[in-house]
mmCIF file of all heavy atoms, coordinates in Angstrom:
data_MODEL
# 
_entry.id   MODEL 
# 
loop_
_atom_site.group_PDB 
_atom_site.id 
_atom_site.type_symbol 
_atom_site.label_atom_id 
_atom_site.label_alt_id 
_atom_site.label_comp_id 
_atom_site.label_asym_id 
_atom_site.label_entity_id 
_atom_site.label_seq_id 
_atom_site.pdbx_PDB_ins_code 
_atom_site.Cartn_x 
_atom_site.Cartn_y 
_atom_site.Cartn_z 
_atom_site.occupancy 
_atom_site.B_iso_or_equiv 
_atom_site.pdbx_formal_charge 
_atom_site.auth_seq_id 
_atom_site.auth_comp_id 
_atom_site.auth_asym_id 
_atom_site.auth_atom_id 
_atom_site.pdbx_PDB_model_num 
ATOM 1   N N   . LEU A 1 1  ? 16.469 -5.185  -8.203  1.00 0.00 ? 1  LEU A N   1 
ATOM 2   C CA  . LEU A 1 1  ? 15.447 -5.153  -7.163  1.00 0.00 ? 1  LEU A CA  1 
ATOM 3   C C   . LEU A 1 1  ? 16.044 -5.828  -5.931  1.00 0.00 ? 1  LEU A C   1 
ATOM 4   O O   . LEU A 1 1  ? 16.214 -7.048  -5.902  1.00 0.00 ? 1  LEU A O   1 
ATOM 5   C CB  . LEU A 1 1  ? 14.186 -5.878  -7.632  1.00 0.00 ? 1  LEU A CB  1 
ATOM 6   C CG  . LEU A 1 1  ? 13.077 -6.101  -6.605  1.00 0.00 ? 1  LEU A CG  1 
ATOM 7   C CD1 . LEU A 1 1  ? 12.573 -4.775  -6.038  1.00 0.00 ? 1  LEU A CD1 1 
ATOM 8   C CD2 . LEU A 1 1  ? 11.942 -6.897  -7.227  1.00 0.00 ? 1  LEU A CD2 1 
ATOM 9   N N   . ASP A 1 2  ? 16.426 -5.035  -4.949  1.00 0.00 ? 2  ASP A N   1 
ATOM 10  C CA  . ASP A 1 2  ? 17.065 -5.561  -3.747  1.00 0.00 ? 2  ASP A CA  1 
ATOM 11  C C   . ASP A 1 2  ? 16.062 -6.234  -2.824  1.00 0.00 ? 2  ASP A C   1 
ATOM 12  O O   . ASP A 1 2  ? 16.354 -7.296  -2.265  1.00 0.00 ? 2  ASP A O   1 
ATOM 13  C CB  . ASP A 1 2  ? 17.787 -4.442  -2.983  1.00 0.00 ? 2  ASP A CB  1 
ATOM 14  C CG  . ASP A 1 2  ? 19.042 -3.996  -3.683  1.00 0.00 ? 2  ASP A CG  1 
ATOM 15  O OD1 . ASP A 1 2  ? 19.952 -4.824  -3.840  1.00 0.00 ? 2  ASP A OD1 1 
ATOM 16  O OD2 . ASP A 1 2  ? 19.124 -2.813  -4.072  1.00 0.00 ? 2  ASP A OD2 1 
ATOM 17  N N   . ASP A 1 3  ? 14.928 -5.617  -2.616  1.00 0.00 ? 3  ASP A N   1 
ATOM 18  C CA  . ASP A 1 3  ? 13.961 -6.099  -1.628  1.00 0.00 ? 3  ASP A CA  1 
ATOM 19  C C   . ASP A 1 3  ? 12.548 -5.918  -2.168  1.00 0.00 ? 3  ASP A C   1 
ATOM 20  O O   . ASP A 1 3  ? 12.226 -4.866  -2.718  1.00 0.00 ? 3  ASP A O   1 
ATOM 21  C CB  . ASP A 1 3  ? 14.075 -5.301  -0.317  1.00 0.00 ? 3  ASP A CB  1 
ATOM 22  C CG  . ASP A 1 3  ? 15.497 -5.197  0.209   1.00 0.00 ? 3  ASP A CG  1 
ATOM 23  O OD1 . ASP A 1 3  ? 16.165 -6.244  0.310   1.00 0.00 ? 3  ASP A OD1 1 
ATOM 24  O OD2 . ASP A 1 3  ? 15.937 -4.071  0.513   1.00 0.00 ? 3  ASP A OD2 1 
ATOM 25  N N   . LEU A 1 4  ? 11.727 -6.937  -1.968  1.00 0.00 ? 4  LEU A N   1 
ATOM 26  C CA  . LEU A 1 4  ? 10.305 -6.850  -2.278  1.00 0.00 ? 4  LEU A CA  1 
ATOM 27  C C   . LEU A 1 4  ? 9.580  -7.567  -1.154  1.00 0.00 ? 4  LEU A C   1 
ATOM 28  O O   . LEU A 1 4  ? 9.902  -8.717  -0.839  1.00 0.00 ? 4  LEU A O   1 
ATOM 29  C CB  . LEU A 1 4  ? 9.987  -7.517  -3.617  1.00 0.00 ? 4  LEU A CB  1 
ATOM 30  C CG  . LEU A 1 4  ? 8.525  -7.516  -4.030  1.00 0.00 ? 4  LEU A CG  1 
ATOM 31  C CD1 . LEU A 1 4  ? 8.046  -6.101  -4.337  1.00 0.00 ? 4  LEU A CD1 1 
ATOM 32  C CD2 . LEU A 1 4  ? 8.312  -8.403  -5.245  1.00 0.00 ? 4  LEU A CD2 1 
ATOM 33  N N   . PHE A 1 5  ? 8.623  -6.876  -0.551  1.00 0.00 ? 5  PHE A N   1 
ATOM 34  C CA  . PHE A 1 5  ? 7.904  -7.469  0.581   1.00 0.00 ? 5  PHE A CA  1 
ATOM 35  C C   . PHE A 1 5  ? 6.490  -6.930  0.614   1.00 0.00 ? 5  PHE A C   1 
ATOM 36  O O   . PHE A 1 5  ? 6.260  -5.736  0.431   1.00 0.00 ? 5  PHE A O   1 
ATOM 37  C CB  . PHE A 1 5  ? 8.610  -7.117  1.901   1.00 0.00 ? 5  PHE A CB  1 
ATOM 38  C CG  . PHE A 1 5  ? 7.953  -7.705  3.112   1.00 0.00 ? 5  PHE A CG  1 
ATOM 39  C CD1 . PHE A 1 5  ? 8.067  -9.059  3.408   1.00 0.00 ? 5  PHE A CD1 1 
ATOM 40  C CD2 . PHE A 1 5  ? 7.206  -6.911  3.968   1.00 0.00 ? 5  PHE A CD2 1 
ATOM 41  C CE1 . PHE A 1 5  ? 7.458  -9.617  4.533   1.00 0.00 ? 5  PHE A CE1 1 
ATOM 42  C CE2 . PHE A 1 5  ? 6.593  -7.450  5.099   1.00 0.00 ? 5  PHE A CE2 1 
ATOM 43  C CZ  . PHE A 1 5  ? 6.727  -8.799  5.376   1.00 0.00 ? 5  PHE A CZ  1 
ATOM 44  N N   . VAL A 1 6  ? 5.551  -7.843  0.853   1.00 0.00 ? 6  VAL A N   1 
ATOM 45  C CA  . VAL A 1 6  ? 4.152  -7.476  1.078   1.00 0.00 ? 6  VAL A CA  1 
ATOM 46  C C   . VAL A 1 6  ? 3.766  -8.052  2.435   1.00 0.00 ? 6  VAL A C   1 
ATOM 47  O O   . VAL A 1 6  ? 4.078  -9.208  2.741   1.00 0.00 ? 6  VAL A O   1 
ATOM 48  C CB  . VAL A 1 6  ? 3.236  -8.021  -0.036  1.00 0.00 ? 6  VAL A CB  1 
ATOM 49  C CG1 . VAL A 1 6  ? 1.775  -7.776  0.293   1.00 0.00 ? 6  VAL A CG1 1 
ATOM 50  C CG2 . VAL A 1 6  ? 3.600  -7.393  -1.383  1.00 0.00 ? 6  VAL A CG2 1 
ATOM 51  N N   . ALA A 1 7  ? 3.101  -7.241  3.248   1.00 0.00 ? 7  ALA A N   1 
ATOM 52  C CA  . ALA A 1 7  ? 2.669  -7.689  4.572   1.00 0.00 ? 7  ALA A CA  1 
ATOM 53  C C   . ALA A 1 7  ? 1.856  -8.966  4.430   1.00 0.00 ? 7  ALA A C   1 
ATOM 54  O O   . ALA A 1 7  ? 1.030  -9.088  3.514   1.00 0.00 ? 7  ALA A O   1 
ATOM 55  C CB  . ALA A 1 7  ? 1.834  -6.598  5.246   1.00 0.00 ? 7  ALA A CB  1 
ATOM 56  N N   . PRO A 1 8  ? 2.069  -9.936  5.327   1.00 0.00 ? 8  PRO A N   1 
ATOM 57  C CA  . PRO A 1 8  ? 1.369  -11.223 5.208   1.00 0.00 ? 8  PRO A CA  1 
ATOM 58  C C   . PRO A 1 8  ? -0.141 -11.102 5.059   1.00 0.00 ? 8  PRO A C   1 
ATOM 59  O O   . PRO A 1 8  ? -0.748 -11.813 4.251   1.00 0.00 ? 8  PRO A O   1 
ATOM 60  C CB  . PRO A 1 8  ? 1.743  -11.943 6.511   1.00 0.00 ? 8  PRO A CB  1 
ATOM 61  C CG  . PRO A 1 8  ? 3.069  -11.367 6.882   1.00 0.00 ? 8  PRO A CG  1 
ATOM 62  C CD  . PRO A 1 8  ? 3.007  -9.919  6.452   1.00 0.00 ? 8  PRO A CD  1 
ATOM 63  N N   . GLU A 1 9  ? -0.749 -10.176 5.784   1.00 0.00 ? 9  GLU A N   1 
ATOM 64  C CA  . GLU A 1 9  ? -2.205 -10.025 5.705   1.00 0.00 ? 9  GLU A CA  1 
ATOM 65  C C   . GLU A 1 9  ? -2.673 -9.410  4.390   1.00 0.00 ? 9  GLU A C   1 
ATOM 66  O O   . GLU A 1 9  ? -3.866 -9.405  4.088   1.00 0.00 ? 9  GLU A O   1 
ATOM 67  C CB  . GLU A 1 9  ? -2.725 -9.213  6.891   1.00 0.00 ? 9  GLU A CB  1 
ATOM 68  C CG  . GLU A 1 9  ? -2.212 -7.799  6.960   1.00 0.00 ? 9  GLU A CG  1 
ATOM 69  C CD  . GLU A 1 9  ? -0.848 -7.625  7.648   1.00 0.00 ? 9  GLU A CD  1 
ATOM 70  O OE1 . GLU A 1 9  ? -0.158 -8.623  7.930   1.00 0.00 ? 9  GLU A OE1 1 
ATOM 71  O OE2 . GLU A 1 9  ? -0.479 -6.456  7.878   1.00 0.00 ? 9  GLU A OE2 1 
ATOM 72  N N   . SER A 1 10 ? -1.739 -8.906  3.582   1.00 0.00 ? 10 SER A N   1 
ATOM 73  C CA  . SER A 1 10 ? -2.098 -8.287  2.305   1.00 0.00 ? 10 SER A CA  1 
ATOM 74  C C   . SER A 1 10 ? -1.643 -9.100  1.096   1.00 0.00 ? 10 SER A C   1 
ATOM 75  O O   . SER A 1 10 ? -1.831 -8.665  -0.044  1.00 0.00 ? 10 SER A O   1 
ATOM 76  C CB  . SER A 1 10 ? -1.503 -6.881  2.226   1.00 0.00 ? 10 SER A CB  1 
ATOM 77  O OG  . SER A 1 10 ? -2.069 -6.060  3.227   1.00 0.00 ? 10 SER A OG  1 
ATOM 78  N N   . ARG A 1 11 ? -1.071 -10.257 1.341   1.00 0.00 ? 11 ARG A N   1 
ATOM 79  C CA  . ARG A 1 11 ? -0.652 -11.104 0.224   1.00 0.00 ? 11 ARG A CA  1 
ATOM 80  C C   . ARG A 1 11 ? -1.881 -11.578 -0.524  1.00 0.00 ? 11 ARG A C   1 
ATOM 81  O O   . ARG A 1 11 ? -2.904 -11.874 0.060   1.00 0.00 ? 11 ARG A O   1 
ATOM 82  C CB  . ARG A 1 11 ? 0.202  -12.256 0.732   1.00 0.00 ? 11 ARG A CB  1 
ATOM 83  C CG  . ARG A 1 11 ? 1.518  -11.717 1.244   1.00 0.00 ? 11 ARG A CG  1 
ATOM 84  C CD  . ARG A 1 11 ? 2.470  -12.751 1.734   1.00 0.00 ? 11 ARG A CD  1 
ATOM 85  N NE  . ARG A 1 11 ? 3.614  -12.038 2.322   1.00 0.00 ? 11 ARG A NE  1 
ATOM 86  C CZ  . ARG A 1 11 ? 4.386  -12.533 3.243   1.00 0.00 ? 11 ARG A CZ  1 
ATOM 87  N NH1 . ARG A 1 11 ? 4.180  -13.758 3.694   1.00 0.00 ? 11 ARG A NH1 1 
ATOM 88  N NH2 . ARG A 1 11 ? 5.386  -11.814 3.719   1.00 0.00 ? 11 ARG A NH2 1 
ATOM 89  N N   . GLY A 1 12 ? -1.767 -11.584 -1.832  1.00 0.00 ? 12 GLY A N   1 
ATOM 90  C CA  . GLY A 1 12 ? -2.908 -11.940 -2.673  1.00 0.00 ? 12 GLY A CA  1 
ATOM 91  C C   . GLY A 1 12 ? -3.745 -10.731 -3.054  1.00 0.00 ? 12 GLY A C   1 
ATOM 92  O O   . GLY A 1 12 ? -4.701 -10.849 -3.807  1.00 0.00 ? 12 GLY A O   1 
ATOM 93  N N   . SER A 1 13 ? -3.378 -9.552  -2.549  1.00 0.00 ? 13 SER A N   1 
ATOM 94  C CA  . SER A 1 13 ? -4.142 -8.327  -2.824  1.00 0.00 ? 13 SER A CA  1 
ATOM 95  C C   . SER A 1 13 ? -3.801 -7.705  -4.169  1.00 0.00 ? 13 SER A C   1 
ATOM 96  O O   . SER A 1 13 ? -4.501 -6.813  -4.632  1.00 0.00 ? 13 SER A O   1 
ATOM 97  C CB  . SER A 1 13 ? -3.860 -7.283  -1.737  1.00 0.00 ? 13 SER A CB  1 
ATOM 98  O OG  . SER A 1 13 ? -2.504 -6.845  -1.821  1.00 0.00 ? 13 SER A OG  1 
ATOM 99  N N   . GLY A 1 14 ? -2.716 -8.155  -4.786  1.00 0.00 ? 14 GLY A N   1 
ATOM 100 C CA  . GLY A 1 14 ? -2.251 -7.540  -6.022  1.00 0.00 ? 14 GLY A CA  1 
ATOM 101 C C   . GLY A 1 14 ? -1.133 -6.549  -5.794  1.00 0.00 ? 14 GLY A C   1 
ATOM 102 O O   . GLY A 1 14 ? -0.596 -5.987  -6.754  1.00 0.00 ? 14 GLY A O   1 
ATOM 103 N N   . ALA A 1 15 ? -0.743 -6.322  -4.551  1.00 0.00 ? 15 ALA A N   1 
ATOM 104 C CA  . ALA A 1 15 ? 0.310  -5.345  -4.253  1.00 0.00 ? 15 ALA A CA  1 
ATOM 105 C C   . ALA A 1 15 ? 1.623  -5.717  -4.916  1.00 0.00 ? 15 ALA A C   1 
ATOM 106 O O   . ALA A 1 15 ? 2.303  -4.847  -5.484  1.00 0.00 ? 15 ALA A O   1 
ATOM 107 C CB  . ALA A 1 15 ? 0.490  -5.196  -2.745  1.00 0.00 ? 15 ALA A CB  1 
ATOM 108 N N   . ALA A 1 16 ? 2.006  -6.983  -4.875  1.00 0.00 ? 16 ALA A N   1 
ATOM 109 C CA  . ALA A 1 16 ? 3.269  -7.398  -5.506  1.00 0.00 ? 16 ALA A CA  1 
ATOM 110 C C   . ALA A 1 16 ? 3.223  -7.145  -7.007  1.00 0.00 ? 16 ALA A C   1 
ATOM 111 O O   . ALA A 1 16 ? 4.194  -6.643  -7.591  1.00 0.00 ? 16 ALA A O   1 
ATOM 112 C CB  . ALA A 1 16 ? 3.563  -8.864  -5.204  1.00 0.00 ? 16 ALA A CB  1 
ATOM 113 N N   . ASP A 1 17 ? 2.091  -7.484  -7.634  1.00 0.00 ? 17 ASP A N   1 
ATOM 114 C CA  . ASP A 1 17 ? 1.940  -7.233  -9.076  1.00 0.00 ? 17 ASP A CA  1 
ATOM 115 C C   . ASP A 1 17 ? 2.126  -5.760  -9.396  1.00 0.00 ? 17 ASP A C   1 
ATOM 116 O O   . ASP A 1 17 ? 2.804  -5.397  -10.364 1.00 0.00 ? 17 ASP A O   1 
ATOM 117 C CB  . ASP A 1 17 ? 0.547  -7.662  -9.548  1.00 0.00 ? 17 ASP A CB  1 
ATOM 118 C CG  . ASP A 1 17 ? 0.342  -9.143  -9.469  1.00 0.00 ? 17 ASP A CG  1 
ATOM 119 O OD1 . ASP A 1 17 ? 1.044  -9.888  -10.162 1.00 0.00 ? 17 ASP A OD1 1 
ATOM 120 O OD2 . ASP A 1 17 ? -0.552 -9.558  -8.701  1.00 0.00 ? 17 ASP A OD2 1 
ATOM 121 N N   . LEU A 1 18 ? 1.504  -4.906  -8.587  1.00 0.00 ? 18 LEU A N   1 
ATOM 122 C CA  . LEU A 1 18 ? 1.578  -3.469  -8.837  1.00 0.00 ? 18 LEU A CA  1 
ATOM 123 C C   . LEU A 1 18 ? 2.980  -2.923  -8.594  1.00 0.00 ? 18 LEU A C   1 
ATOM 124 O O   . LEU A 1 18 ? 3.455  -2.067  -9.348  1.00 0.00 ? 18 LEU A O   1 
ATOM 125 C CB  . LEU A 1 18 ? 0.552  -2.737  -7.976  1.00 0.00 ? 18 LEU A CB  1 
ATOM 126 C CG  . LEU A 1 18 ? -0.900 -3.004  -8.370  1.00 0.00 ? 18 LEU A CG  1 
ATOM 127 C CD1 . LEU A 1 18 ? -1.855 -2.501  -7.294  1.00 0.00 ? 18 LEU A CD1 1 
ATOM 128 C CD2 . LEU A 1 18 ? -1.209 -2.364  -9.717  1.00 0.00 ? 18 LEU A CD2 1 
ATOM 129 N N   . LEU A 1 19 ? 3.660  -3.398  -7.564  1.00 0.00 ? 19 LEU A N   1 
ATOM 130 C CA  . LEU A 1 19 ? 5.039  -2.964  -7.318  1.00 0.00 ? 19 LEU A CA  1 
ATOM 131 C C   . LEU A 1 19 ? 5.942  -3.384  -8.478  1.00 0.00 ? 19 LEU A C   1 
ATOM 132 O O   . LEU A 1 19 ? 6.746  -2.582  -8.976  1.00 0.00 ? 19 LEU A O   1 
ATOM 133 C CB  . LEU A 1 19 ? 5.557  -3.535  -5.996  1.00 0.00 ? 19 LEU A CB  1 
ATOM 134 C CG  . LEU A 1 19 ? 4.995  -2.877  -4.742  1.00 0.00 ? 19 LEU A CG  1 
ATOM 135 C CD1 . LEU A 1 19 ? 5.175  -3.790  -3.525  1.00 0.00 ? 19 LEU A CD1 1 
ATOM 136 C CD2 . LEU A 1 19 ? 5.642  -1.520  -4.496  1.00 0.00 ? 19 LEU A CD2 1 
ATOM 137 N N   . LEU A 1 20 ? 5.814  -4.622  -8.926  1.00 0.00 ? 20 LEU A N   1 
ATOM 138 C CA  . LEU A 1 20 ? 6.635  -5.097  -10.041 1.00 0.00 ? 20 LEU A CA  1 
ATOM 139 C C   . LEU A 1 20 ? 6.296  -4.365  -11.338 1.00 0.00 ? 20 LEU A C   1 
ATOM 140 O O   . LEU A 1 20 ? 7.187  -4.029  -12.130 1.00 0.00 ? 20 LEU A O   1 
ATOM 141 C CB  . LEU A 1 20 ? 6.478  -6.603  -10.209 1.00 0.00 ? 20 LEU A CB  1 
ATOM 142 C CG  . LEU A 1 20 ? 7.109  -7.442  -9.090  1.00 0.00 ? 20 LEU A CG  1 
ATOM 143 C CD1 . LEU A 1 20 ? 6.632  -8.887  -9.163  1.00 0.00 ? 20 LEU A CD1 1 
ATOM 144 C CD2 . LEU A 1 20 ? 8.629  -7.357  -9.131  1.00 0.00 ? 20 LEU A CD2 1 
ATOM 145 N N   . ALA A 1 21 ? 5.022  -4.090  -11.558 1.00 0.00 ? 21 ALA A N   1 
ATOM 146 C CA  . ALA A 1 21 ? 4.617  -3.362  -12.765 1.00 0.00 ? 21 ALA A CA  1 
ATOM 147 C C   . ALA A 1 21 ? 5.195  -1.949  -12.766 1.00 0.00 ? 21 ALA A C   1 
ATOM 148 O O   . ALA A 1 21 ? 5.670  -1.460  -13.798 1.00 0.00 ? 21 ALA A O   1 
ATOM 149 C CB  . ALA A 1 21 ? 3.095  -3.319  -12.873 1.00 0.00 ? 21 ALA A CB  1 
ATOM 150 N N   . ARG A 1 22 ? 5.158  -1.293  -11.613 1.00 0.00 ? 22 ARG A N   1 
ATOM 151 C CA  . ARG A 1 22 ? 5.721  0.057   -11.536 1.00 0.00 ? 22 ARG A CA  1 
ATOM 152 C C   . ARG A 1 22 ? 7.224  0.031   -11.767 1.00 0.00 ? 22 ARG A C   1 
ATOM 153 O O   . ARG A 1 22 ? 7.772  0.903   -12.445 1.00 0.00 ? 22 ARG A O   1 
ATOM 154 C CB  . ARG A 1 22 ? 5.388  0.703   -10.184 1.00 0.00 ? 22 ARG A CB  1 
ATOM 155 C CG  . ARG A 1 22 ? 5.942  2.100   -10.028 1.00 0.00 ? 22 ARG A CG  1 
ATOM 156 C CD  . ARG A 1 22 ? 5.355  3.071   -11.074 1.00 0.00 ? 22 ARG A CD  1 
ATOM 157 N NE  . ARG A 1 22 ? 6.035  4.350   -11.033 1.00 0.00 ? 22 ARG A NE  1 
ATOM 158 C CZ  . ARG A 1 22 ? 6.582  4.947   -12.097 1.00 0.00 ? 22 ARG A CZ  1 
ATOM 159 N NH1 . ARG A 1 22 ? 6.506  4.404   -13.303 1.00 0.00 ? 22 ARG A NH1 1 
ATOM 160 N NH2 . ARG A 1 22 ? 7.194  6.113   -11.969 1.00 0.00 ? 22 ARG A NH2 1 
ATOM 161 N N   . LEU A 1 23 ? 7.889  -0.979  -11.234 1.00 0.00 ? 23 LEU A N   1 
ATOM 162 C CA  . LEU A 1 23 ? 9.326  -1.105  -11.442 1.00 0.00 ? 23 LEU A CA  1 
ATOM 163 C C   . LEU A 1 23 ? 9.641  -1.332  -12.924 1.00 0.00 ? 23 LEU A C   1 
ATOM 164 O O   . LEU A 1 23 ? 10.603 -0.775  -13.457 1.00 0.00 ? 23 LEU A O   1 
ATOM 165 C CB  . LEU A 1 23 ? 9.860  -2.257  -10.592 1.00 0.00 ? 23 LEU A CB  1 
ATOM 166 C CG  . LEU A 1 23 ? 11.323 -2.232  -10.262 1.00 0.00 ? 23 LEU A CG  1 
ATOM 167 C CD1 . LEU A 1 23 ? 11.790 -0.896  -9.719  1.00 0.00 ? 23 LEU A CD1 1 
ATOM 168 C CD2 . LEU A 1 23 ? 11.643 -3.333  -9.274  1.00 0.00 ? 23 LEU A CD2 1 
ATOM 169 N N   . ARG A 1 24 ? 8.818  -2.111  -13.591 1.00 0.00 ? 24 ARG A N   1 
ATOM 170 C CA  . ARG A 1 24 ? 8.989  -2.320  -15.034 1.00 0.00 ? 24 ARG A CA  1 
ATOM 171 C C   . ARG A 1 24 ? 8.836  -0.987  -15.783 1.00 0.00 ? 24 ARG A C   1 
ATOM 172 O O   . ARG A 1 24 ? 9.589  -0.690  -16.708 1.00 0.00 ? 24 ARG A O   1 
ATOM 173 C CB  . ARG A 1 24 ? 7.957  -3.322  -15.534 1.00 0.00 ? 24 ARG A CB  1 
ATOM 174 C CG  . ARG A 1 24 ? 8.063  -3.617  -17.017 1.00 0.00 ? 24 ARG A CG  1 
ATOM 175 C CD  . ARG A 1 24 ? 7.041  -4.619  -17.420 1.00 0.00 ? 24 ARG A CD  1 
ATOM 176 N NE  . ARG A 1 24 ? 7.428  -5.893  -16.844 1.00 0.00 ? 24 ARG A NE  1 
ATOM 177 C CZ  . ARG A 1 24 ? 7.024  -7.076  -17.297 1.00 0.00 ? 24 ARG A CZ  1 
ATOM 178 N NH1 . ARG A 1 24 ? 6.213  -7.140  -18.329 1.00 0.00 ? 24 ARG A NH1 1 
ATOM 179 N NH2 . ARG A 1 24 ? 7.410  -8.169  -16.728 1.00 0.00 ? 24 ARG A NH2 1 
ATOM 180 N N   . GLU A 1 25 ? 7.863  -0.179  -15.365 1.00 0.00 ? 25 GLU A N   1 
ATOM 181 C CA  . GLU A 1 25 ? 7.666  1.137   -15.988 1.00 0.00 ? 25 GLU A CA  1 
ATOM 182 C C   . GLU A 1 25 ? 8.876  2.042   -15.754 1.00 0.00 ? 25 GLU A C   1 
ATOM 183 O O   . GLU A 1 25 ? 9.318  2.735   -16.672 1.00 0.00 ? 25 GLU A O   1 
ATOM 184 C CB  . GLU A 1 25 ? 6.420  1.811   -15.419 1.00 0.00 ? 25 GLU A CB  1 
ATOM 185 C CG  . GLU A 1 25 ? 5.117  1.171   -15.811 1.00 0.00 ? 25 GLU A CG  1 
ATOM 186 C CD  . GLU A 1 25 ? 3.930  1.729   -15.027 1.00 0.00 ? 25 GLU A CD  1 
ATOM 187 O OE1 . GLU A 1 25 ? 4.123  2.568   -14.109 1.00 0.00 ? 25 GLU A OE1 1 
ATOM 188 O OE2 . GLU A 1 25 ? 2.795  1.315   -15.323 1.00 0.00 ? 25 GLU A OE2 1 
ATOM 189 N N   . ILE A 1 26 ? 9.374  2.060   -14.530 1.00 0.00 ? 26 ILE A N   1 
ATOM 190 C CA  . ILE A 1 26 ? 10.539 2.891   -14.210 1.00 0.00 ? 26 ILE A CA  1 
ATOM 191 C C   . ILE A 1 26 ? 11.727 2.472   -15.062 1.00 0.00 ? 26 ILE A C   1 
ATOM 192 O O   . ILE A 1 26 ? 12.440 3.314   -15.622 1.00 0.00 ? 26 ILE A O   1 
ATOM 193 C CB  . ILE A 1 26 ? 10.865 2.814   -12.699 1.00 0.00 ? 26 ILE A CB  1 
ATOM 194 C CG1 . ILE A 1 26 ? 9.788  3.528   -11.890 1.00 0.00 ? 26 ILE A CG1 1 
ATOM 195 C CG2 . ILE A 1 26 ? 12.250 3.399   -12.401 1.00 0.00 ? 26 ILE A CG2 1 
ATOM 196 C CD1 . ILE A 1 26 ? 9.858  3.276   -10.386 1.00 0.00 ? 26 ILE A CD1 1 
ATOM 197 N N   . ALA A 1 27 ? 11.939 1.162   -15.188 1.00 0.00 ? 27 ALA A N   1 
ATOM 198 C CA  . ALA A 1 27 ? 13.050 0.659   -15.999 1.00 0.00 ? 27 ALA A CA  1 
ATOM 199 C C   . ALA A 1 27 ? 12.905 1.128   -17.454 1.00 0.00 ? 27 ALA A C   1 
ATOM 200 O O   . ALA A 1 27 ? 13.885 1.560   -18.068 1.00 0.00 ? 27 ALA A O   1 
ATOM 201 C CB  . ALA A 1 27 ? 13.115 -0.860  -15.926 1.00 0.00 ? 27 ALA A CB  1 
# 
């Protein structure tokens, strides 16, 4: 995982969790 970023106004929205979960699925 080279880069992971969530816009500051969207932090805490669950976006990071969902991105990481999808990456786990892809792996």
